[in-house]
Amino acid sequence: MDLSALLGSGEKGWQTRANCLGVDPDLFFPERGSSTREAKEVCRGCVVREDCLDYAIANGEKFGIWGGMSERERRRVRRARVLALREVAAS
């Protein structure tokens, strides 16, 4: 099983260009406390890294490495985006 199967979208979009295509998905869902370094290395330089990150944030992915980021890192990005939207709306 590859990571694109986990996405379940059936679309042939950004996922088909991802560095992780064909990589064991367990690498991207390490046990709590385990290193995420190898998964993030696969993501480094991926041409669809931003698309992957956007997908994870939009879909509330709580587990795994998406777009080269852990859930904790994605939460920070999500908060920053919400704050930026609020500032734009307030202007």
N, C-alpha and C. Protein backbone atom coordinates (compact mmCIF):
# COMPACT_ATOMS: atom_id res chain seq x y z
N MET A 1 0.85 -1.19 0.00
CA MET A 1 0.00 0.00 0.00
C MET A 1 0.89 1.24 0.00
N ASP A 2 0.56 2.22 -0.81
CA ASP A 2 1.34 3.45 -0.80
C ASP A 2 0.52 4.58 -0.19
N LEU A 3 1.18 5.71 0.03
CA LEU A 3 0.54 6.83 0.70
C LEU A 3 -0.63 7.38 -0.10
N SER A 4 -0.58 7.32 -1.41
CA SER A 4 -1.69 7.84 -2.21
C SER A 4 -2.98 7.07 -1.95
N ALA A 5 -2.86 5.80 -1.59
CA ALA A 5 -4.05 5.01 -1.25
C ALA A 5 -4.70 5.52 0.02
N LEU A 6 -3.89 6.05 0.94
CA LEU A 6 -4.44 6.60 2.18
C LEU A 6 -5.23 7.87 1.94
N LEU A 7 -4.89 8.60 0.90
CA LEU A 7 -5.58 9.84 0.62
C LEU A 7 -7.02 9.60 0.18
N GLY A 8 -7.25 8.48 -0.47
CA GLY A 8 -8.60 8.06 -0.79
C GLY A 8 -9.38 8.96 -1.72
N SER A 9 -8.75 9.93 -2.31
CA SER A 9 -9.49 10.86 -3.15
C SER A 9 -9.78 10.30 -4.52
N GLY A 10 -8.97 9.36 -4.98
CA GLY A 10 -9.16 8.82 -6.31
C GLY A 10 -8.71 9.78 -7.39
N GLU A 11 -8.28 10.96 -7.02
CA GLU A 11 -7.82 11.96 -7.99
C GLU A 11 -6.39 11.65 -8.41
N LYS A 12 -6.06 12.06 -9.60
CA LYS A 12 -4.69 11.92 -10.09
C LYS A 12 -4.10 13.32 -10.18
N GLY A 13 -4.02 14.00 -9.07
CA GLY A 13 -3.50 15.36 -9.05
C GLY A 13 -2.11 15.41 -8.46
N TRP A 14 -1.94 16.27 -7.49
CA TRP A 14 -0.62 16.49 -6.90
C TRP A 14 -0.01 15.22 -6.33
N GLN A 15 -0.85 14.28 -5.86
CA GLN A 15 -0.35 13.07 -5.23
C GLN A 15 0.54 12.25 -6.15
N THR A 16 0.27 12.28 -7.44
CA THR A 16 1.04 11.47 -8.38
C THR A 16 2.44 12.02 -8.59
N ARG A 17 2.70 13.26 -8.15
CA ARG A 17 4.02 13.86 -8.30
C ARG A 17 4.78 13.90 -6.98
N ALA A 18 4.22 13.32 -5.94
CA ALA A 18 4.82 13.39 -4.60
C ALA A 18 6.02 12.45 -4.46
N ASN A 19 7.02 12.91 -3.73
CA ASN A 19 8.20 12.08 -3.45
C ASN A 19 7.83 10.81 -2.70
N CYS A 20 6.75 10.83 -1.95
CA CYS A 20 6.37 9.69 -1.10
C CYS A 20 5.62 8.61 -1.86
N LEU A 21 5.30 8.85 -3.11
CA LEU A 21 4.55 7.87 -3.89
C LEU A 21 5.34 6.57 -3.92
N GLY A 22 4.71 5.51 -3.45
CA GLY A 22 5.35 4.20 -3.42
C GLY A 22 6.17 3.91 -2.18
N VAL A 23 6.30 4.89 -1.29
CA VAL A 23 7.04 4.70 -0.04
C VAL A 23 6.10 4.12 1.00
N ASP A 24 6.62 3.25 1.85
CA ASP A 24 5.82 2.64 2.91
C ASP A 24 5.20 3.73 3.78
N PRO A 25 3.86 3.78 3.88
CA PRO A 25 3.21 4.83 4.66
C PRO A 25 3.55 4.80 6.14
N ASP A 26 3.98 3.65 6.65
CA ASP A 26 4.35 3.59 8.07
C ASP A 26 5.46 4.58 8.39
N LEU A 27 6.29 4.91 7.41
CA LEU A 27 7.36 5.88 7.61
C LEU A 27 6.79 7.23 8.02
N PHE A 28 5.61 7.57 7.49
CA PHE A 28 5.00 8.88 7.73
C PHE A 28 4.07 8.89 8.94
N PHE A 29 3.90 7.74 9.57
CA PHE A 29 3.06 7.64 10.75
C PHE A 29 3.84 6.91 11.85
N PRO A 30 4.93 7.55 12.32
CA PRO A 30 5.78 6.89 13.32
C PRO A 30 5.08 6.78 14.67
N GLU A 31 5.52 5.84 15.45
CA GLU A 31 5.01 5.68 16.82
C GLU A 31 5.31 6.96 17.60
N ARG A 32 4.49 7.25 18.58
CA ARG A 32 4.69 8.42 19.42
C ARG A 32 6.09 8.39 20.01
N GLY A 33 6.80 9.49 19.88
CA GLY A 33 8.15 9.60 20.42
C GLY A 33 9.24 9.14 19.46
N SER A 34 8.85 8.50 18.35
CA SER A 34 9.84 8.04 17.37
C SER A 34 10.28 9.21 16.50
N SER A 35 11.41 9.04 15.85
CA SER A 35 11.96 10.06 14.98
C SER A 35 11.11 10.26 13.73
N THR A 36 10.99 11.50 13.32
CA THR A 36 10.29 11.85 12.08
C THR A 36 11.28 12.26 11.00
N ARG A 37 12.55 12.16 11.32
CA ARG A 37 13.61 12.65 10.42
C ARG A 37 13.54 12.01 9.03
N GLU A 38 13.39 10.68 8.96
CA GLU A 38 13.38 10.01 7.66
C GLU A 38 12.20 10.46 6.80
N ALA A 39 11.03 10.57 7.42
CA ALA A 39 9.84 11.00 6.67
C ALA A 39 10.04 12.43 6.16
N LYS A 40 10.54 13.29 7.01
CA LYS A 40 10.75 14.68 6.61
C LYS A 40 11.81 14.79 5.52
N GLU A 41 12.77 13.88 5.53
CA GLU A 41 13.79 13.85 4.48
C GLU A 41 13.15 13.52 3.13
N VAL A 42 12.18 12.61 3.11
CA VAL A 42 11.48 12.29 1.86
C VAL A 42 10.74 13.53 1.36
N CYS A 43 10.17 14.29 2.28
CA CYS A 43 9.40 15.49 1.92
C CYS A 43 10.28 16.64 1.44
N ARG A 44 11.51 16.68 1.94
CA ARG A 44 12.40 17.79 1.59
C ARG A 44 12.59 17.83 0.07
N GLY A 45 12.35 18.97 -0.50
CA GLY A 45 12.52 19.14 -1.94
C GLY A 45 11.38 18.60 -2.78
N CYS A 46 10.35 18.08 -2.16
CA CYS A 46 9.21 17.55 -2.91
C CYS A 46 8.49 18.72 -3.60
N VAL A 47 8.17 18.53 -4.87
CA VAL A 47 7.55 19.62 -5.64
C VAL A 47 6.10 19.90 -5.23
N VAL A 48 5.48 18.97 -4.51
CA VAL A 48 4.09 19.18 -4.09
C VAL A 48 3.97 19.30 -2.57
N ARG A 49 5.05 19.66 -1.94
CA ARG A 49 5.06 19.76 -0.47
C ARG A 49 3.97 20.71 0.05
N GLU A 50 3.84 21.88 -0.58
CA GLU A 50 2.81 22.85 -0.15
C GLU A 50 1.40 22.30 -0.36
N ASP A 51 1.18 21.61 -1.47
CA ASP A 51 -0.13 21.01 -1.73
C ASP A 51 -0.47 19.99 -0.65
N CYS A 52 0.52 19.19 -0.29
CA CYS A 52 0.34 18.16 0.74
C CYS A 52 0.02 18.81 2.09
N LEU A 53 0.77 19.85 2.42
CA LEU A 53 0.53 20.57 3.67
C LEU A 53 -0.86 21.18 3.68
N ASP A 54 -1.23 21.82 2.59
CA ASP A 54 -2.57 22.42 2.49
C ASP A 54 -3.66 21.37 2.64
N TYR A 55 -3.46 20.20 2.02
CA TYR A 55 -4.42 19.11 2.14
C TYR A 55 -4.58 18.71 3.60
N ALA A 56 -3.47 18.52 4.29
CA ALA A 56 -3.51 18.08 5.68
C ALA A 56 -4.20 19.10 6.57
N ILE A 57 -3.91 20.37 6.35
CA ILE A 57 -4.52 21.42 7.16
C ILE A 57 -6.02 21.52 6.86
N ALA A 58 -6.37 21.51 5.59
CA ALA A 58 -7.78 21.62 5.20
C ALA A 58 -8.61 20.44 5.69
N ASN A 59 -8.00 19.28 5.79
CA ASN A 59 -8.71 18.07 6.19
C ASN A 59 -8.50 17.71 7.66
N GLY A 60 -7.82 18.55 8.39
CA GLY A 60 -7.65 18.34 9.83
C GLY A 60 -6.88 17.07 10.17
N GLU A 61 -5.88 16.72 9.35
CA GLU A 61 -5.09 15.52 9.63
C GLU A 61 -4.39 15.69 10.97
N LYS A 62 -4.66 14.77 11.88
CA LYS A 62 -4.10 14.86 13.22
C LYS A 62 -2.89 13.98 13.44
N PHE A 63 -2.63 13.11 12.50
CA PHE A 63 -1.52 12.17 12.66
C PHE A 63 -0.64 12.19 11.43
N GLY A 64 0.60 11.87 11.62
CA GLY A 64 1.51 11.69 10.50
C GLY A 64 2.24 12.94 10.07
N ILE A 65 3.15 12.70 9.15
CA ILE A 65 3.94 13.78 8.55
C ILE A 65 3.29 14.10 7.21
N TRP A 66 2.90 15.35 7.06
CA TRP A 66 2.27 15.83 5.82
C TRP A 66 2.97 17.13 5.45
N GLY A 67 3.38 17.25 4.20
CA GLY A 67 4.06 18.47 3.78
C GLY A 67 5.34 18.71 4.55
N GLY A 68 5.92 17.64 5.07
CA GLY A 68 7.17 17.76 5.82
C GLY A 68 6.99 18.25 7.24
N MET A 69 5.76 18.24 7.75
CA MET A 69 5.50 18.75 9.09
C MET A 69 4.71 17.76 9.94
N SER A 70 4.99 17.80 11.22
CA SER A 70 4.24 17.01 12.20
C SER A 70 2.94 17.73 12.52
N GLU A 71 2.07 17.08 13.27
CA GLU A 71 0.81 17.72 13.67
C GLU A 71 1.08 18.98 14.47
N ARG A 72 2.03 18.94 15.36
CA ARG A 72 2.35 20.13 16.18
C ARG A 72 2.78 21.28 15.28
N GLU A 73 3.61 20.99 14.30
CA GLU A 73 4.07 22.03 13.37
C GLU A 73 2.92 22.54 12.52
N ARG A 74 2.04 21.64 12.09
CA ARG A 74 0.87 22.06 11.29
C ARG A 74 -0.08 22.93 12.10
N ARG A 75 -0.22 22.63 13.38
CA ARG A 75 -1.08 23.47 14.24
C ARG A 75 -0.57 24.90 14.26
N ARG A 76 0.75 25.08 14.33
CA ARG A 76 1.32 26.42 14.32
C ARG A 76 1.01 27.14 13.01
N VAL A 77 1.15 26.42 11.90
CA VAL A 77 0.86 27.01 10.59
C VAL A 77 -0.62 27.37 10.51
N ARG A 78 -1.48 26.46 10.98
CA ARG A 78 -2.93 26.70 10.96
C ARG A 78 -3.27 27.95 11.75
N ARG A 79 -2.72 28.08 12.95
CA ARG A 79 -2.98 29.27 13.78
C ARG A 79 -2.51 30.54 13.09
N ALA A 80 -1.31 30.48 12.50
CA ALA A 80 -0.78 31.66 11.82
C ALA A 80 -1.67 32.07 10.65
N ARG A 81 -2.18 31.09 9.92
CA ARG A 81 -3.07 31.38 8.79
C ARG A 81 -4.37 32.00 9.27
N VAL A 82 -4.92 31.48 10.36
CA VAL A 82 -6.17 32.04 10.91
C VAL A 82 -5.95 33.48 11.36
N LEU A 83 -4.83 33.72 12.05
CA LEU A 83 -4.54 35.08 12.51
C LEU A 83 -4.36 36.04 11.32
N ALA A 84 -3.68 35.58 10.27
CA ALA A 84 -3.49 36.41 9.09
C ALA A 84 -4.84 36.74 8.43
N LEU A 85 -5.72 35.74 8.36
CA LEU A 85 -7.05 36.00 7.78
C LEU A 85 -7.84 36.99 8.62
N ARG A 86 -7.73 36.89 9.93
CA ARG A 86 -8.43 37.83 10.81
C ARG A 86 -7.91 39.24 10.62
N GLU A 87 -6.58 39.37 10.46
CA GLU A 87 -6.01 40.70 10.25
C GLU A 87 -6.47 41.30 8.94
N VAL A 88 -6.55 40.47 7.90
CA VAL A 88 -7.02 40.96 6.60
C VAL A 88 -8.48 41.38 6.70
N ALA A 89 -9.29 40.56 7.39
CA ALA A 89 -10.72 40.87 7.54
C ALA A 89 -10.92 42.15 8.36
N ALA A 90 -10.03 42.40 9.31
CA ALA A 90 -10.17 43.57 10.17
C ALA A 90 -9.73 44.85 9.45
N SER A 91 -8.96 44.71 8.37
CA SER A 91 -8.47 45.92 7.68
C SER A 91 -9.50 46.51 6.77
